[in-house]
Amino acid sequence: MTDLTSARSFLFVPGDRPERFGKAAASGAHAIIIDLEDAVAPEAKMKARHHAKKFLDQVTVEKVLVRINGIESTFFEADLALANHPSLSGVILPKADAESCSKVVQKLENPVWPLIETVRGLVDLREIVSLSDLGRLLLGTIDLSLDLGLEMDHPGGQTALDAARFMLVTNSRLGDLPPPIDGVFTNLDDTTGLQNATEHACASGMGGMMCIHPRQTSVVHAAFAPSEAEVEWAQAVVLASEEQKGSFLFRGKMVDKPVLDRAQGTLVALQGHRP
C-alpha cells in the first residue's frame, strides 16, 4: 500500500470512464480518486464498480483511492466489497460523520478517508479522529457550502469555510493524522484563481487539494512545495542541530524543539513534493 501521508494532489476520475484511469495514474498526480459517487449516474454505477475492480486488478502503482457511495445509498453495500481491494490505498467516505465512519471502519481493512461535507461531520470531528485505521481528512467545500447556505464566491462564504478548514487542521493534529485535503477548484480556465486558492489552503494548514483535471496538479504541487529559501533554511537548521544540544542560536534567532520540528517537517514536505 502506497504511503500518501505527504501526497499533495488528488485527481478525481469518474468510475464510468475507464479509458481515463490509466491517463490519470500517469498524469503526475500524487494519487487518483476513482469516483463511484457524484460523478456517476445511478444507472451507470454497477458498470463503474466493475471498471474500477478491473483496473485495480491490473494496476502496478498503488496510489489509488476510491470514493464509494454513502452509507445511506442503495449502492453502499456493493461498494464495500470493492473497498477492501488490496490495491487501494484508502477509501473515501462521503458525507462522513462519527456514526458512518465508525460503521465503515469496522467493515474495512483499508484505511477510511472521511470526507467532511456536512455540519454533522464538522461537529463530529473530534469523535471521528479518535477512530483507528483512518487515512486523512478531506473537506468537501461545495456540499458543505450548500449545507450551510454559503456563497462560495463571496468573501464571507470563504471566511466560513476557513473556519471549517481550521477545524479539520486542528482535529487532524489532535488525531495524529497528516494535514487534511482541501476541496476542488471548479473553474478550469482560471489558473490564477486556482493558484490563489491553493496558496490560501496551504497557508491555512491544509496539506493538499483535490483536483478535477490533470492540468491542475502542477499548480497544486507548486503551491504546496516549500520554496528554495525555506528548504535552504531547513537543511541548515537540521545540520546545525546535529552539533548542538538543546536550544541554540542560529542566524540571530533561537532554535528550540518546535522550530527544529518545523525544519524537519519542511524537508518531509519536500520529499512528498518530488515525483
C-alpha atoms as a PDB file:
ATOM      1  CA  MET A   1       0.000   0.000   0.000  1.00  0.00           C
ATOM      2  CA  THR A   2       1.422   3.366  -1.049  1.00  0.00           C
ATOM      3  CA  ASP A   3       2.080   5.905   1.713  1.00  0.00           C
ATOM      4  CA  LEU A   4       0.058   9.027   0.885  1.00  0.00           C
ATOM      5  CA  THR A   5       0.828  10.971   4.066  1.00  0.00           C
ATOM      6  CA  SER A   6       2.770  13.592   2.098  1.00  0.00           C
ATOM      7  CA  ALA A   7       0.710  13.497  -1.112  1.00  0.00           C
ATOM      8  CA  ARG A   8      -0.486  16.900  -2.310  1.00  0.00           C
ATOM      9  CA  SER A   9      -2.657  16.341  -5.393  1.00  0.00           C
ATOM     10  CA  PHE A  10      -5.658  14.007  -5.554  1.00  0.00           C
ATOM     11  CA  LEU A  11      -7.139  13.721  -9.041  1.00  0.00           C
ATOM     12  CA  PHE A  12     -10.760  12.642  -9.483  1.00  0.00           C
ATOM     13  CA  VAL A  13     -11.637  10.328 -12.366  1.00  0.00           C
ATOM     14  CA  PRO A  14     -15.236   9.179 -12.986  1.00  0.00           C
ATOM     15  CA  GLY A  15     -15.719   5.473 -12.369  1.00  0.00           C
ATOM     16  CA  ASP A  16     -17.666   5.043 -15.591  1.00  0.00           C
ATOM     17  CA  ARG A  17     -14.802   6.409 -17.719  1.00  0.00           C
ATOM     18  CA  PRO A  18     -12.271   3.548 -17.591  1.00  0.00           C
ATOM     19  CA  GLU A  19     -10.354   4.951 -20.566  1.00  0.00           C
ATOM     20  CA  ARG A  20      -9.248   7.781 -18.258  1.00  0.00           C
ATOM     21  CA  PHE A  21      -7.940   5.620 -15.395  1.00  0.00           C
ATOM     22  CA  GLY A  22      -4.507   4.953 -16.849  1.00  0.00           C
ATOM     23  CA  LYS A  23      -4.129   8.530 -18.066  1.00  0.00           C
ATOM     24  CA  ALA A  24      -4.987   9.831 -14.611  1.00  0.00           C
ATOM     25  CA  ALA A  25      -2.480   7.486 -12.967  1.00  0.00           C
ATOM     26  CA  ALA A  26       0.226   8.708 -15.364  1.00  0.00           C
ATOM     27  CA  SER A  27      -0.708  12.389 -15.071  1.00  0.00           C
ATOM     28  CA  GLY A  28       1.745  13.261 -12.326  1.00  0.00           C
ATOM     29  CA  ALA A  29      -0.939  13.467  -9.645  1.00  0.00           C
ATOM     30  CA  HIS A  30       0.250  12.093  -6.332  1.00  0.00           C
ATOM     31  CA  ALA A  31      -2.930   9.992  -6.099  1.00  0.00           C
ATOM     32  CA  ILE A  32      -6.064   9.357  -8.124  1.00  0.00           C
ATOM     33  CA  ILE A  33      -9.607   9.023  -6.816  1.00  0.00           C
ATOM     34  CA  ILE A  34     -11.887   6.687  -8.748  1.00  0.00           C
ATOM     35  CA  ASP A  35     -15.288   8.222  -8.110  1.00  0.00           C
ATOM     36  CA  LEU A  36     -18.265   5.898  -7.732  1.00  0.00           C
ATOM     37  CA  GLU A  37     -20.452   8.593  -6.170  1.00  0.00           C
ATOM     38  CA  ASP A  38     -21.326  12.056  -7.529  1.00  0.00           C
ATOM     39  CA  ALA A  39     -19.595  11.715 -10.906  1.00  0.00           C
ATOM     40  CA  VAL A  40     -21.563   8.594 -11.878  1.00  0.00           C
ATOM     41  CA  ALA A  41     -25.256   8.440 -12.801  1.00  0.00           C
ATOM     42  CA  PRO A  42     -27.315   5.822 -10.909  1.00  0.00           C
ATOM     43  CA  GLU A  43     -27.787   3.652 -13.992  1.00  0.00           C
ATOM     44  CA  ALA A  44     -24.002   3.550 -14.554  1.00  0.00           C
ATOM     45  CA  LYS A  45     -22.863   2.758 -11.017  1.00  0.00           C
ATOM     46  CA  MET A  46     -22.746  -1.024 -11.445  1.00  0.00           C
ATOM     47  CA  LYS A  47     -20.575  -0.696 -14.557  1.00  0.00           C
ATOM     48  CA  ALA A  48     -18.385   1.869 -12.795  1.00  0.00           C
ATOM     49  CA  ARG A  49     -17.731  -0.557  -9.962  1.00  0.00           C
ATOM     50  CA  HIS A  50     -16.853  -3.263 -12.497  1.00  0.00           C
ATOM     51  CA  HIS A  51     -14.460  -0.944 -14.343  1.00  0.00           C
ATOM     52  CA  ALA A  52     -12.804   0.096 -11.083  1.00  0.00           C
ATOM     53  CA  LYS A  53     -12.247  -3.507  -9.999  1.00  0.00           C
ATOM     54  CA  LYS A  54     -10.783  -4.451 -13.374  1.00  0.00           C
ATOM     55  CA  PHE A  55      -8.342  -1.547 -13.170  1.00  0.00           C
ATOM     56  CA  LEU A  56      -7.371  -2.356  -9.582  1.00  0.00           C
ATOM     57  CA  ASP A  57      -6.760  -5.993 -10.519  1.00  0.00           C
ATOM     58  CA  GLN A  58      -4.177  -4.835 -13.062  1.00  0.00           C
ATOM     59  CA  VAL A  59      -2.683  -1.701 -11.507  1.00  0.00           C
ATOM     60  CA  THR A  60       1.009  -1.738 -10.629  1.00  0.00           C
ATOM     61  CA  VAL A  61       1.286   1.682  -8.963  1.00  0.00           C
ATOM     62  CA  GLU A  62      -0.700   1.670  -5.740  1.00  0.00           C
ATOM     63  CA  LYS A  63      -1.672   5.310  -5.405  1.00  0.00           C
ATOM     64  CA  VAL A  64      -5.383   4.793  -5.908  1.00  0.00           C
ATOM     65  CA  LEU A  65      -8.294   5.797  -3.682  1.00  0.00           C
ATOM     66  CA  VAL A  66     -11.950   5.105  -4.335  1.00  0.00           C
ATOM     67  CA  ARG A  67     -14.868   7.315  -3.300  1.00  0.00           C
ATOM     68  CA  ILE A  68     -17.719   4.973  -2.525  1.00  0.00           C
ATOM     69  CA  ASN A  69     -21.392   5.848  -2.259  1.00  0.00           C
ATOM     70  CA  GLY A  70     -22.611   6.981   1.142  1.00  0.00           C
ATOM     71  CA  ILE A  71     -23.841   4.714   3.888  1.00  0.00           C
ATOM     72  CA  GLU A  72     -27.500   5.536   3.153  1.00  0.00           C
ATOM     73  CA  SER A  73     -27.158   4.750  -0.557  1.00  0.00           C
ATOM     74  CA  THR A  74     -28.561   1.561  -2.062  1.00  0.00           C
ATOM     75  CA  PHE A  75     -25.154   1.119  -3.722  1.00  0.00           C
ATOM     76  CA  PHE A  76     -23.223   1.235  -0.446  1.00  0.00           C
ATOM     77  CA  GLU A  77     -23.044  -2.478   0.372  1.00  0.00           C
ATOM     78  CA  ALA A  78     -21.882  -3.428  -3.123  1.00  0.00           C
ATOM     79  CA  ASP A  79     -19.224  -0.716  -2.989  1.00  0.00           C
ATOM     80  CA  LEU A  80     -17.869  -2.127   0.278  1.00  0.00           C
ATOM     81  CA  ALA A  81     -16.798  -5.339  -1.440  1.00  0.00           C
ATOM     82  CA  LEU A  82     -14.618  -3.306  -3.800  1.00  0.00           C
ATOM     83  CA  ALA A  83     -13.407  -1.088  -0.957  1.00  0.00           C
ATOM     84  CA  ASN A  84     -11.368  -3.940   0.516  1.00  0.00           C
ATOM     85  CA  HIS A  85      -9.377  -4.419  -2.688  1.00  0.00           C
ATOM     86  CA  PRO A  86      -5.674  -4.854  -1.804  1.00  0.00           C
ATOM     87  CA  SER A  87      -4.531  -2.386  -4.490  1.00  0.00           C
ATOM     88  CA  LEU A  88      -6.372   0.506  -2.852  1.00  0.00           C
ATOM     89  CA  SER A  89      -4.520   2.954  -0.627  1.00  0.00           C
ATOM     90  CA  GLY A  90      -7.734   4.105   1.002  1.00  0.00           C
ATOM     91  CA  VAL A  91     -11.495   4.526   0.800  1.00  0.00           C
ATOM     92  CA  ILE A  92     -13.138   7.954   0.779  1.00  0.00           C
ATOM     93  CA  LEU A  93     -16.415   8.013   2.709  1.00  0.00           C
ATOM     94  CA  PRO A  94     -18.699  10.863   1.548  1.00  0.00           C
ATOM     95  CA  LYS A  95     -20.739  12.945   3.980  1.00  0.00           C
ATOM     96  CA  ALA A  96     -18.808  11.333   6.792  1.00  0.00           C
ATOM     97  CA  ASP A  97     -19.885  11.685  10.403  1.00  0.00           C
ATOM     98  CA  ALA A  98     -18.978   9.771  13.550  1.00  0.00           C
ATOM     99  CA  GLU A  99     -21.667   7.114  13.123  1.00  0.00           C
ATOM    100  CA  SER A 100     -20.939   6.329   9.475  1.00  0.00           C
ATOM    101  CA  CYS A 101     -17.165   6.372   9.975  1.00  0.00           C
ATOM    102  CA  SER A 102     -17.404   4.008  12.923  1.00  0.00           C
ATOM    103  CA  LYS A 103     -19.506   1.540  10.939  1.00  0.00           C
ATOM    104  CA  VAL A 104     -17.270   1.626   7.864  1.00  0.00           C
ATOM    105  CA  VAL A 105     -14.011   1.349   9.823  1.00  0.00           C
ATOM    106  CA  GLN A 106     -15.315  -1.865  11.363  1.00  0.00           C
ATOM    107  CA  LYS A 107     -16.118  -3.318   7.934  1.00  0.00           C
ATOM    108  CA  LEU A 108     -12.904  -2.445   6.076  1.00  0.00           C
ATOM    109  CA  GLU A 109      -9.255  -3.404   6.207  1.00  0.00           C
ATOM    110  CA  ASN A 110      -8.197  -0.440   4.056  1.00  0.00           C
ATOM    111  CA  PRO A 111      -7.895   2.996   5.694  1.00  0.00           C
ATOM    112  CA  VAL A 112     -11.018   5.162   5.688  1.00  0.00           C
ATOM    113  CA  TRP A 113     -10.617   8.752   4.494  1.00  0.00           C
ATOM    114  CA  PRO A 114     -13.533  10.807   5.928  1.00  0.00           C
ATOM    115  CA  LEU A 115     -14.880  13.429   3.508  1.00  0.00           C
ATOM    116  CA  ILE A 116     -16.307  16.176   5.704  1.00  0.00           C
ATOM    117  CA  GLU A 117     -19.063  17.977   3.794  1.00  0.00           C
ATOM    118  CA  THR A 118     -21.905  18.408   6.301  1.00  0.00           C
ATOM    119  CA  VAL A 119     -22.456  20.273   9.552  1.00  0.00           C
ATOM    120  CA  ARG A 120     -22.810  16.933  11.324  1.00  0.00           C
ATOM    121  CA  GLY A 121     -19.405  15.886  10.057  1.00  0.00           C
ATOM    122  CA  LEU A 122     -17.829  19.083  11.381  1.00  0.00           C
ATOM    123  CA  VAL A 123     -19.448  18.693  14.787  1.00  0.00           C
ATOM    124  CA  ASP A 124     -18.313  15.056  14.974  1.00  0.00           C
ATOM    125  CA  LEU A 125     -14.671  15.678  14.050  1.00  0.00           C
ATOM    126  CA  ARG A 126     -13.214  15.038  17.490  1.00  0.00           C
ATOM    127  CA  GLU A 127     -15.015  11.700  17.694  1.00  0.00           C
ATOM    128  CA  ILE A 128     -14.046  10.811  14.117  1.00  0.00           C
ATOM    129  CA  VAL A 129     -10.308  11.336  14.641  1.00  0.00           C
ATOM    130  CA  SER A 130     -10.396   9.093  17.712  1.00  0.00           C
ATOM    131  CA  LEU A 131     -11.134   6.109  15.457  1.00  0.00           C
ATOM    132  CA  SER A 132      -8.382   3.783  14.297  1.00  0.00           C
ATOM    133  CA  ASP A 133      -7.384   2.991  10.701  1.00  0.00           C
ATOM    134  CA  LEU A 134      -8.063   6.437   9.276  1.00  0.00           C
ATOM    135  CA  GLY A 135      -6.227   7.974   6.338  1.00  0.00           C
ATOM    136  CA  ARG A 136      -6.554  11.740   6.010  1.00  0.00           C
ATOM    137  CA  LEU A 137      -9.481  14.106   6.429  1.00  0.00           C
ATOM    138  CA  LEU A 138     -10.862  15.780   3.303  1.00  0.00           C
ATOM    139  CA  LEU A 139     -13.002  18.918   3.076  1.00  0.00           C
ATOM    140  CA  GLY A 140     -15.945  18.875   0.676  1.00  0.00           C
ATOM    141  CA  THR A 141     -16.309  22.617   0.205  1.00  0.00           C
ATOM    142  CA  ILE A 142     -19.144  22.509  -2.339  1.00  0.00           C
ATOM    143  CA  ASP A 143     -21.534  20.275  -0.399  1.00  0.00           C
ATOM    144  CA  LEU A 144     -20.621  21.915   2.901  1.00  0.00           C
ATOM    145  CA  SER A 145     -21.417  25.318   1.411  1.00  0.00           C
ATOM    146  CA  LEU A 146     -24.804  24.004   0.328  1.00  0.00           C
ATOM    147  CA  ASP A 147     -25.464  22.560   3.774  1.00  0.00           C
ATOM    148  CA  LEU A 148     -24.563  25.856   5.451  1.00  0.00           C
ATOM    149  CA  GLY A 149     -26.170  28.113   2.842  1.00  0.00           C
ATOM    150  CA  LEU A 150     -22.853  29.786   1.976  1.00  0.00           C
ATOM    151  CA  GLU A 151     -21.908  31.724  -1.146  1.00  0.00           C
ATOM    152  CA  MET A 152     -18.537  30.225  -2.058  1.00  0.00           C
ATOM    153  CA  ASP A 153     -17.635  33.130  -4.360  1.00  0.00           C
ATOM    154  CA  HIS A 154     -18.269  35.711  -1.637  1.00  0.00           C
ATOM    155  CA  PRO A 155     -15.530  36.633   0.870  1.00  0.00           C
ATOM    156  CA  GLY A 156     -17.965  35.916   3.684  1.00  0.00           C
ATOM    157  CA  GLY A 157     -18.504  32.396   2.408  1.00  0.00           C
ATOM    158  CA  GLN A 158     -14.763  31.811   2.279  1.00  0.00           C
ATOM    159  CA  THR A 159     -14.418  33.131   5.829  1.00  0.00           C
ATOM    160  CA  ALA A 160     -16.893  30.491   6.977  1.00  0.00           C
ATOM    161  CA  LEU A 161     -15.051  27.797   5.008  1.00  0.00           C
ATOM    162  CA  ASP A 162     -11.808  28.932   6.636  1.00  0.00           C
ATOM    163  CA  ALA A 163     -13.397  28.108   9.978  1.00  0.00           C
ATOM    164  CA  ALA A 164     -14.099  24.616   8.651  1.00  0.00           C
ATOM    165  CA  ARG A 165     -10.511  24.327   7.410  1.00  0.00           C
ATOM    166  CA  PHE A 166      -9.272  25.289  10.871  1.00  0.00           C
ATOM    167  CA  MET A 167     -11.430  22.565  12.412  1.00  0.00           C
ATOM    168  CA  LEU A 168     -10.018  19.928  10.050  1.00  0.00           C
ATOM    169  CA  VAL A 169      -6.440  21.097  10.606  1.00  0.00           C
ATOM    170  CA  THR A 170      -6.694  21.138  14.393  1.00  0.00           C
ATOM    171  CA  ASN A 171      -8.529  17.836  14.624  1.00  0.00           C
ATOM    172  CA  SER A 172      -6.063  16.183  12.249  1.00  0.00           C
ATOM    173  CA  ARG A 173      -3.314  17.296  14.608  1.00  0.00           C
ATOM    174  CA  LEU A 174      -5.307  16.085  17.599  1.00  0.00           C
ATOM    175  CA  GLY A 175      -5.800  12.675  15.993  1.00  0.00           C
ATOM    176  CA  ASP A 176      -2.150  12.446  14.890  1.00  0.00           C
ATOM    177  CA  LEU A 177      -3.223  12.409  11.235  1.00  0.00           C
ATOM    178  CA  PRO A 178      -1.393  14.054   8.304  1.00  0.00           C
ATOM    179  CA  PRO A 179      -2.648  17.505   7.228  1.00  0.00           C
ATOM    180  CA  PRO A 180      -6.108  17.415   5.598  1.00  0.00           C
ATOM    181  CA  ILE A 181      -7.004  17.802   1.921  1.00  0.00           C
ATOM    182  CA  ASP A 182      -8.899  20.826   0.600  1.00  0.00           C
ATOM    183  CA  GLY A 183     -11.841  20.766  -1.810  1.00  0.00           C
ATOM    184  CA  VAL A 184     -11.800  21.151  -5.576  1.00  0.00           C
ATOM    185  CA  PHE A 185     -11.447  24.387  -7.541  1.00  0.00           C
ATOM    186  CA  THR A 186     -14.056  24.128 -10.265  1.00  0.00           C
ATOM    187  CA  ASN A 187     -13.068  26.844 -12.777  1.00  0.00           C
ATOM    188  CA  LEU A 188     -10.635  25.105 -15.119  1.00  0.00           C
ATOM    189  CA  ASP A 189      -9.912  28.306 -17.058  1.00  0.00           C
ATOM    190  CA  ASP A 190      -8.925  30.376 -14.015  1.00  0.00           C
ATOM    191  CA  THR A 191      -5.304  29.420 -13.355  1.00  0.00           C
ATOM    192  CA  THR A 192      -4.716  32.500 -11.216  1.00  0.00           C
ATOM    193  CA  GLY A 193      -7.748  31.668  -9.098  1.00  0.00           C
ATOM    194  CA  LEU A 194      -6.505  28.106  -8.645  1.00  0.00           C
ATOM    195  CA  GLN A 195      -3.080  29.356  -7.621  1.00  0.00           C
ATOM    196  CA  ASN A 196      -4.611  31.756  -5.095  1.00  0.00           C
ATOM    197  CA  ALA A 197      -6.867  29.011  -3.726  1.00  0.00           C
ATOM    198  CA  THR A 198      -4.022  26.523  -3.306  1.00  0.00           C
ATOM    199  CA  GLU A 199      -1.733  29.081  -1.685  1.00  0.00           C
ATOM    200  CA  HIS A 200      -4.567  30.049   0.658  1.00  0.00           C
ATOM    201  CA  ALA A 201      -5.191  26.401   1.538  1.00  0.00           C
ATOM    202  CA  CYS A 202      -1.506  25.820   2.203  1.00  0.00           C
ATOM    203  CA  ALA A 203      -1.250  28.904   4.416  1.00  0.00           C
ATOM    204  CA  SER A 204      -4.339  27.684   6.304  1.00  0.00           C
ATOM    205  CA  GLY A 205      -2.599  24.446   7.256  1.00  0.00           C
ATOM    206  CA  MET A 206      -4.151  22.178   4.650  1.00  0.00           C
ATOM    207  CA  GLY A 207      -1.860  19.542   3.173  1.00  0.00           C
ATOM    208  CA  GLY A 208      -3.124  19.173  -0.380  1.00  0.00           C
ATOM    209  CA  MET A 209      -6.052  19.631  -2.723  1.00  0.00           C
ATOM    210  CA  MET A 210      -8.464  17.525  -4.712  1.00  0.00           C
ATOM    211  CA  CYS A 211      -8.333  18.168  -8.474  1.00  0.00           C
ATOM    212  CA  ILE A 212     -10.821  17.690 -11.293  1.00  0.00           C
ATOM    213  CA  HIS A 213      -8.393  17.911 -14.221  1.00  0.00           C
ATOM    214  CA  PRO A 214      -4.772  16.793 -14.731  1.00  0.00           C
ATOM    215  CA  ARG A 215      -3.623  20.302 -15.624  1.00  0.00           C
ATOM    216  CA  GLN A 216      -4.491  21.478 -12.111  1.00  0.00           C
ATOM    217  CA  THR A 217      -1.943  19.191 -10.460  1.00  0.00           C
ATOM    218  CA  SER A 218       1.183  21.171 -11.383  1.00  0.00           C
ATOM    219  CA  VAL A 219      -0.308  24.323  -9.852  1.00  0.00           C
ATOM    220  CA  VAL A 220      -1.169  22.425  -6.683  1.00  0.00           C
ATOM    221  CA  HIS A 221       2.326  20.933  -6.465  1.00  0.00           C
ATOM    222  CA  ALA A 222       3.972  24.329  -6.853  1.00  0.00           C
ATOM    223  CA  ALA A 223       1.777  25.968  -4.212  1.00  0.00           C
ATOM    224  CA  PHE A 224       2.326  23.260  -1.610  1.00  0.00           C
ATOM    225  CA  ALA A 225       6.046  22.753  -2.276  1.00  0.00           C
ATOM    226  CA  PRO A 226       8.484  24.508   0.077  1.00  0.00           C
ATOM    227  CA  SER A 227      10.292  27.444  -1.510  1.00  0.00           C
ATOM    228  CA  GLU A 228      14.035  27.301  -2.196  1.00  0.00           C
ATOM    229  CA  ALA A 229      14.638  29.667   0.710  1.00  0.00           C
ATOM    230  CA  GLU A 230      12.560  27.511   3.061  1.00  0.00           C
ATOM    231  CA  VAL A 231      14.426  24.373   2.006  1.00  0.00           C
ATOM    232  CA  GLU A 232      17.839  26.023   2.433  1.00  0.00           C
ATOM    233  CA  TRP A 233      16.871  27.281   5.895  1.00  0.00           C
ATOM    234  CA  ALA A 234      15.500  23.888   6.950  1.00  0.00           C
ATOM    235  CA  GLN A 235      18.572  21.997   5.768  1.00  0.00           C
ATOM    236  CA  ALA A 236      20.863  24.447   7.536  1.00  0.00           C
ATOM    237  CA  VAL A 237      18.883  24.265  10.793  1.00  0.00           C
ATOM    238  CA  VAL A 238      18.846  20.457  10.803  1.00  0.00           C
ATOM    239  CA  LEU A 239      22.579  20.355  10.037  1.00  0.00           C
ATOM    240  CA  ALA A 240      23.335  22.843  12.813  1.00  0.00           C
ATOM    241  CA  SER A 241      21.212  20.875  15.292  1.00  0.00           C
ATOM    242  CA  GLU A 242      23.475  17.853  14.867  1.00  0.00           C
ATOM    243  CA  GLU A 243      26.275  19.778  16.564  1.00  0.00           C
ATOM    244  CA  GLN A 244      24.135  21.344  19.293  1.00  0.00           C
ATOM    245  CA  LYS A 245      22.419  20.130  22.436  1.00  0.00           C
ATOM    246  CA  GLY A 246      19.095  21.656  23.364  1.00  0.00           C
ATOM    247  CA  SER A 247      18.247  25.157  22.179  1.00  0.00           C
ATOM    248  CA  PHE A 248      20.779  27.123  20.150  1.00  0.00           C
ATOM    249  CA  LEU A 249      21.198  30.410  18.319  1.00  0.00           C
ATOM    250  CA  PHE A 250      21.005  30.240  14.516  1.00  0.00           C
ATOM    251  CA  ARG A 251      21.302  33.270  12.265  1.00  0.00           C
ATOM    252  CA  GLY A 252      20.399  35.518  15.133  1.00  0.00           C
ATOM    253  CA  LYS A 253      17.288  33.588  16.165  1.00  0.00           C
ATOM    254  CA  MET A 254      16.715  30.987  18.856  1.00  0.00           C
ATOM    255  CA  VAL A 255      16.055  27.433  17.671  1.00  0.00           C
ATOM    256  CA  ASP A 256      14.249  25.114  20.071  1.00  0.00           C
ATOM    257  CA  LYS A 257      12.345  21.864  19.529  1.00  0.00           C
ATOM    258  CA  PRO A 258       9.257  23.399  17.833  1.00  0.00           C
ATOM    259  CA  VAL A 259      11.478  25.284  15.378  1.00  0.00           C
ATOM    260  CA  LEU A 260      13.523  22.152  14.685  1.00  0.00           C
ATOM    261  CA  ASP A 261      10.304  20.189  14.159  1.00  0.00           C
ATOM    262  CA  ARG A 262       9.223  22.814  11.631  1.00  0.00           C
ATOM    263  CA  ALA A 263      12.515  22.486   9.751  1.00  0.00           C
ATOM    264  CA  GLN A 264      12.253  18.713   9.672  1.00  0.00           C
ATOM    265  CA  GLY A 265       8.630  18.992   8.516  1.00  0.00           C
ATOM    266  CA  THR A 266       9.726  21.221   5.639  1.00  0.00           C
ATOM    267  CA  LEU A 267      12.160  18.545   4.460  1.00  0.00           C
ATOM    268  CA  VAL A 268       9.456  15.886   4.729  1.00  0.00           C
ATOM    269  CA  ALA A 269       7.167  18.087   2.636  1.00  0.00           C
ATOM    270  CA  LEU A 270       9.946  18.443   0.071  1.00  0.00           C
ATOM    271  CA  GLN A 271      10.169  14.674  -0.270  1.00  0.00           C
ATOM    272  CA  GLY A 272       6.395  14.473  -0.676  1.00  0.00           C
ATOM    273  CA  HIS A 273       6.535  17.026  -3.481  1.00  0.00           C
ATOM    274  CA  ARG A 274       9.052  15.074  -5.524  1.00  0.00           C
ATOM    275  CA  PRO A 275       7.665  12.562  -8.072  1.00  0.00           C
END
